[in-house]
Protein backbone atom coordinates (compact mmCIF):
# COMPACT_ATOMS: atom_id res chain seq x y z
CA MET A 1 0.01 0.06 0.02
CA GLY A 2 1.43 3.36 -0.79
CA LEU A 3 2.73 5.69 1.66
CA ILE A 4 -0.18 8.21 1.49
CA GLY A 5 -3.41 6.83 2.90
CA ARG A 6 -1.77 3.77 5.02
CA GLU A 7 -4.09 2.60 7.83
CA ASP A 8 -0.89 3.12 10.05
CA HIS A 9 -0.39 6.68 8.77
CA ARG A 10 2.72 8.29 10.32
CA MET A 11 2.11 10.53 13.55
CA GLU A 12 4.89 12.89 11.93
CA ARG A 13 3.62 13.92 8.75
CA LEU A 14 6.17 14.30 5.59
CA LEU A 15 6.11 18.05 5.88
CA GLN A 16 5.59 18.75 9.42
CA ASP A 17 6.00 22.38 10.26
CA LYS A 18 7.94 23.28 7.21
CA VAL A 19 7.21 26.37 5.32
CA ALA A 20 6.55 26.36 1.53
CA ILE A 21 6.10 28.79 -1.21
CA ILE A 22 4.45 27.54 -4.13
CA THR A 23 4.05 30.03 -7.05
CA GLY A 24 1.20 29.54 -9.60
CA GLY A 25 -0.71 27.94 -6.43
CA ALA A 26 -4.18 29.06 -7.26
CA LYS A 27 -4.78 26.61 -9.96
CA GLY A 28 -3.82 23.25 -11.57
CA GLN A 29 -0.62 21.44 -10.68
CA GLY A 30 0.23 24.30 -7.94
CA ARG A 31 -3.05 23.94 -6.22
CA ALA A 32 -3.07 20.40 -5.91
CA SER A 33 0.49 20.77 -4.74
CA ALA A 34 -0.39 23.77 -2.20
CA ILE A 35 -3.45 21.09 -0.92
CA LEU A 36 -1.13 17.87 -0.36
CA PHE A 37 1.76 20.15 1.15
CA ALA A 38 -0.72 21.19 3.66
CA GLN A 39 -2.24 17.72 4.33
CA GLU A 40 1.30 16.75 4.93
CA GLY A 41 1.96 19.56 7.62
CA ALA A 42 3.25 22.38 5.54
CA ARG A 43 2.60 25.92 6.32
CA VAL A 44 1.83 27.06 2.80
CA VAL A 45 2.57 30.47 0.83
CA ILE A 46 0.36 30.57 -2.22
CA ALA A 47 1.86 32.90 -4.68
CA ASP A 48 -0.38 33.91 -7.79
CA TRP A 49 -1.32 36.94 -9.83
CA ASP A 50 -4.80 35.11 -9.69
CA VAL A 51 -5.39 36.22 -6.21
CA ASP A 52 -9.17 35.02 -6.33
CA ASN A 53 -8.43 31.50 -6.69
CA GLY A 54 -5.37 31.95 -4.50
CA GLU A 55 -7.72 32.67 -1.63
CA ALA A 56 -9.91 30.32 -2.55
CA THR A 57 -7.30 27.57 -2.35
CA ALA A 58 -6.05 29.17 1.15
CA ASN A 59 -9.27 28.88 2.42
CA GLN A 60 -9.80 25.43 1.39
CA ILE A 61 -6.63 24.55 3.29
CA LYS A 62 -7.63 26.50 6.24
CA ALA A 63 -11.08 24.54 6.36
CA GLY A 64 -9.30 21.42 6.31
CA GLY A 65 -7.31 22.20 9.38
CA GLY A 66 -3.98 23.48 7.68
CA GLU A 67 -2.21 26.45 7.37
CA ALA A 68 -2.06 28.77 4.54
CA ILE A 69 -1.89 32.48 2.98
CA ALA A 70 -2.39 33.73 -0.41
CA VAL A 71 -0.05 36.77 -1.95
CA LYS A 72 -0.57 38.55 -5.18
CA VAL A 73 2.56 37.85 -6.99
CA ASP A 74 3.95 38.51 -10.51
CA VAL A 75 6.71 36.29 -10.90
CA SER A 76 8.27 38.44 -13.53
CA ASP A 77 8.57 41.27 -11.08
CA GLU A 78 11.58 41.17 -8.76
CA GLU A 79 9.82 43.44 -6.09
CA ASP A 80 6.79 41.09 -6.12
CA ILE A 81 9.08 38.13 -5.44
CA LYS A 82 10.90 40.14 -2.95
CA ALA A 83 7.59 40.48 -0.97
CA MET A 84 6.64 36.81 -1.37
CA ILE A 85 9.85 35.63 0.49
CA GLN A 86 9.30 38.42 3.03
CA ALA A 87 5.71 37.37 3.47
CA ALA A 88 6.60 33.64 4.40
CA LEU A 89 9.39 34.96 6.70
CA ASP A 90 6.82 37.50 8.30
CA ASN A 91 3.94 34.75 8.99
CA TYR A 92 5.84 31.88 9.39
CA GLY A 93 9.50 32.85 10.38
CA ARG A 94 11.68 30.83 7.78
CA LEU A 95 11.41 29.23 4.22
CA ASP A 96 12.16 25.39 3.78
CA ILE A 97 10.61 25.03 0.34
CA LEU A 98 10.26 26.99 -2.76
CA PHE A 99 8.07 25.17 -5.50
CA ASN A 100 8.81 27.42 -8.56
CA ASN A 101 5.66 26.57 -10.54
CA ALA A 102 4.09 29.40 -12.09
CA ALA A 103 4.06 29.69 -15.70
CA VAL A 104 2.04 30.54 -18.75
CA GLY A 105 1.13 28.34 -21.72
CA TYR A 106 -1.84 27.45 -24.02
CA SER A 107 -4.42 28.70 -21.74
CA GLU A 108 -2.88 32.04 -22.33
CA ARG A 109 -2.88 31.94 -26.04
CA SER A 110 -5.49 35.15 -25.75
CA ARG A 111 -2.67 37.29 -24.26
CA PHE A 112 0.64 35.65 -25.62
CA PHE A 113 1.20 34.24 -28.95
CA MET A 114 2.42 30.71 -29.21
CA GLY A 115 3.95 29.53 -32.37
CA SER A 116 7.23 29.11 -34.06
CA VAL A 117 10.41 31.03 -33.22
CA VAL A 118 10.04 32.69 -36.92
CA ASP A 119 6.24 33.66 -36.34
CA THR A 120 6.58 34.81 -32.47
CA PRO A 121 6.68 38.68 -32.02
CA ARG A 122 9.49 40.03 -29.78
CA ARG A 123 7.08 41.32 -27.02
CA ASP A 124 5.39 37.86 -26.60
CA TRP A 125 8.69 36.14 -26.49
CA ASP A 126 10.17 38.22 -24.21
CA ALA A 127 7.08 38.14 -22.05
CA ILE A 128 6.83 34.43 -22.05
CA GLN A 129 10.46 34.27 -21.08
CA ALA A 130 9.97 36.89 -18.28
CA ILE A 131 7.40 34.52 -16.61
CA ASN A 132 8.45 31.01 -17.37
CA LEU A 133 12.23 31.38 -16.92
CA THR A 134 13.18 34.56 -15.42
CA GLY A 135 10.55 34.33 -12.80
CA VAL A 136 11.77 30.88 -11.97
CA ALA A 137 15.39 32.80 -11.71
CA LEU A 138 14.14 35.49 -9.35
CA GLY A 139 12.47 32.93 -6.81
CA CYS A 140 15.84 31.38 -6.69
CA LYS A 141 17.66 34.49 -6.32
CA HIS A 142 15.97 35.62 -3.26
CA ALA A 143 14.99 32.36 -1.79
CA ILE A 144 18.77 30.89 -1.64
CA PRO A 145 20.18 33.43 0.65
CA VAL A 146 17.57 32.82 3.21
CA MET A 147 18.03 29.02 2.57
CA ILE A 148 21.50 29.54 3.19
CA LYS A 149 21.25 31.49 6.61
CA GLN A 150 18.88 28.71 7.72
CA GLY A 151 21.35 25.98 6.94
CA GLY A 152 19.50 24.37 4.06
CA GLY A 153 16.34 24.15 1.94
CA VAL A 154 14.41 22.64 -1.08
CA ILE A 155 13.76 24.23 -4.36
CA LEU A 156 11.72 22.18 -7.02
CA ASN A 157 11.37 23.47 -10.20
CA ASN A 158 8.47 22.65 -12.79
CA SER A 159 9.73 22.50 -16.29
CA SER A 160 7.94 20.63 -19.04
CA ASP A 161 8.27 17.73 -21.68
CA ASN A 162 8.87 20.51 -24.18
CA ALA A 163 12.12 21.08 -22.69
CA LEU A 164 13.10 17.15 -23.30
CA HIS A 165 11.69 16.40 -26.75
CA SER A 166 10.81 18.60 -29.73
CA VAL A 167 7.28 20.04 -29.63
CA PRO A 168 6.77 22.47 -32.45
CA GLY A 169 4.52 25.22 -31.95
CA ALA A 170 5.38 26.96 -28.99
CA ASP A 171 9.08 27.55 -29.14
CA SER A 172 9.43 30.72 -26.59
CA TYR A 173 7.72 28.61 -23.99
CA THR A 174 9.74 25.42 -24.97
CA ALA A 175 13.01 27.77 -24.78
CA ALA A 176 11.98 28.76 -21.25
CA LYS A 177 11.54 25.33 -20.17
CA GLY A 178 14.64 24.12 -21.27
CA GLY A 179 16.42 27.10 -19.64
CA VAL A 180 14.68 26.05 -16.33
CA VAL A 181 16.20 22.37 -16.99
CA SER A 182 19.73 23.88 -17.05
CA LEU A 183 19.29 26.16 -14.49
CA THR A 184 18.13 23.54 -12.16
CA ARG A 185 21.39 21.48 -12.68
CA VAL A 186 23.57 24.46 -12.01
CA LEU A 187 22.23 25.64 -9.00
CA ALA A 188 21.79 22.17 -7.65
CA ASP A 189 25.70 21.75 -8.11
CA GLN A 190 26.56 25.57 -6.98
CA TYR A 191 24.47 25.32 -3.60
CA GLY A 192 24.46 21.71 -2.59
CA PRO A 193 27.34 22.32 -0.26
CA HIS A 194 24.90 24.67 1.63
CA GLY A 195 22.41 21.95 2.04
CA ILE A 196 19.96 23.24 -0.75
CA ARG A 197 18.73 20.59 -2.95
CA VAL A 198 17.49 21.81 -6.41
CA ASN A 199 15.27 19.26 -8.51
CA CYS A 200 13.09 19.67 -11.20
CA LEU A 201 9.80 18.28 -12.63
CA SER A 202 9.24 17.68 -16.41
CA PRO A 203 5.51 17.23 -16.78
CA GLY A 204 3.94 16.09 -19.95
CA ALA A 205 0.01 16.60 -20.82
CA VAL A 206 -1.64 17.18 -17.37
CA MET A 207 -5.26 17.88 -17.35
CA THR A 208 -5.08 21.60 -15.86
CA GLU A 209 -6.57 24.80 -17.06
CA MET A 210 -3.63 25.38 -18.97
CA ILE A 211 -4.62 22.82 -21.83
CA ALA A 212 -8.48 23.35 -21.44
CA GLU A 213 -8.67 24.56 -24.91
CA VAL A 214 -6.55 22.02 -26.33
CA ALA A 215 -8.32 19.32 -24.64
CA ALA A 216 -11.81 20.54 -26.05
CA ASP A 217 -10.60 19.64 -29.57
CA PRO A 218 -11.40 15.86 -30.37
CA ASN A 219 -8.80 16.35 -33.13
CA GLY A 220 -6.23 18.31 -31.25
CA PRO A 221 -2.62 16.94 -29.82
CA LEU A 222 -4.27 16.04 -26.87
CA THR A 223 -5.72 13.09 -28.68
CA TYR A 224 -2.67 12.28 -30.31
CA TRP A 225 -0.71 12.52 -26.94
CA ASN A 226 -3.03 10.08 -25.17
CA ALA A 227 -2.69 7.55 -28.23
CA LYS A 228 0.89 7.67 -28.01
CA VAL A 229 2.22 7.74 -24.64
CA PRO A 230 2.66 4.22 -23.06
CA LEU A 231 -0.09 4.92 -20.21
CA ARG A 232 -2.53 6.19 -22.98
CA ARG A 233 -3.99 9.00 -21.01
CA THR A 234 -3.56 12.63 -19.72
CA GLY A 235 -1.86 13.16 -16.50
CA GLN A 236 -3.84 14.45 -13.59
CA PRO A 237 -2.85 17.44 -11.05
CA GLU A 238 -2.55 15.34 -8.13
CA GLU A 239 -0.26 12.97 -9.55
CA LEU A 240 2.33 15.89 -10.37
CA ALA A 241 1.72 16.85 -6.60
CA MET A 242 2.74 13.41 -5.60
CA ALA A 243 5.75 13.61 -7.67
CA ALA A 244 6.59 17.29 -6.16
CA LEU A 245 6.07 15.83 -2.47
CA PHE A 246 8.85 13.15 -3.01
CA PHE A 247 11.38 15.98 -4.05
CA VAL A 248 10.30 18.67 -1.40
CA SER A 249 10.31 16.03 1.44
CA ASP A 250 13.08 14.24 3.15
CA MET A 251 11.84 11.00 1.18
CA SER A 252 14.64 12.30 -1.47
CA SER A 253 17.10 13.60 1.08
CA TYR A 254 19.82 12.37 -1.10
CA VAL A 255 18.42 13.50 -4.38
CA THR A 256 19.38 16.85 -6.23
CA GLY A 257 20.14 18.04 -9.60
CA VAL A 258 17.51 15.47 -10.93
CA ILE A 259 15.10 16.13 -13.99
CA LEU A 260 12.07 13.93 -13.46
CA PRO A 261 9.92 13.27 -16.27
CA VAL A 262 6.15 12.82 -15.17
CA ASP A 263 4.84 12.43 -18.70
CA GLY A 264 2.98 8.85 -18.97
CA GLY A 265 6.43 7.33 -19.94
CA ARG A 266 6.68 9.57 -23.15
CA ASP A 267 10.32 9.91 -22.13
CA CYS A 268 11.16 6.08 -22.46
CA GLN A 269 10.42 6.17 -26.07
């Protein structure tokens, strides 16, 4: 039987008294992770520009007996990132976990062009890079000094299957997610001696708001995906959250610099 849900469930939960920031925690994979981390004892800071859904997620956690706050954050804005880190320190006194999950993708096609490098306007290219890559770098930039001072911590970055395979049609998104993979490796190497572990998830298709438009098209790429990957289905946010829990808990205490595909087996093809 799995670790979570055992009849002899641990008295000490996996993230007991840890403080975790989750960017993009209002919906999708971030929301599922926020709820799971809280169930495992973490005090959660839900950082998202969608403050209404962020508050709703925090309220759900609190209704279940957990601790959470929501803060409005644009991860491409360094002042917002500083305020996010400070909110964790002001409310909970420390920062143990940073899950850099926030990103824009297909769900934001009305705001940002998703296409080839040839067709992508410079403004859209830069905006996607600012959120999906620079946002991760800024989170790390301001979390790492806090974690060094504390004697350690855990950073988990969320990349994409696009970073590991050729997936034409969203080239700025793909380039940013590839940068997240490379950044993860160098930070793991550089800050491991300080007791900071840095790992990365590389999700495939996951049924969240980000791919809702694609999922609604019976002839779209999601149908092709489900027919191709070995598990023959789309992932669920809760499945990504379980992988995230492994990385941010002591279950992975000797794991750093790892890029884990969570993709229904796409990476084995």
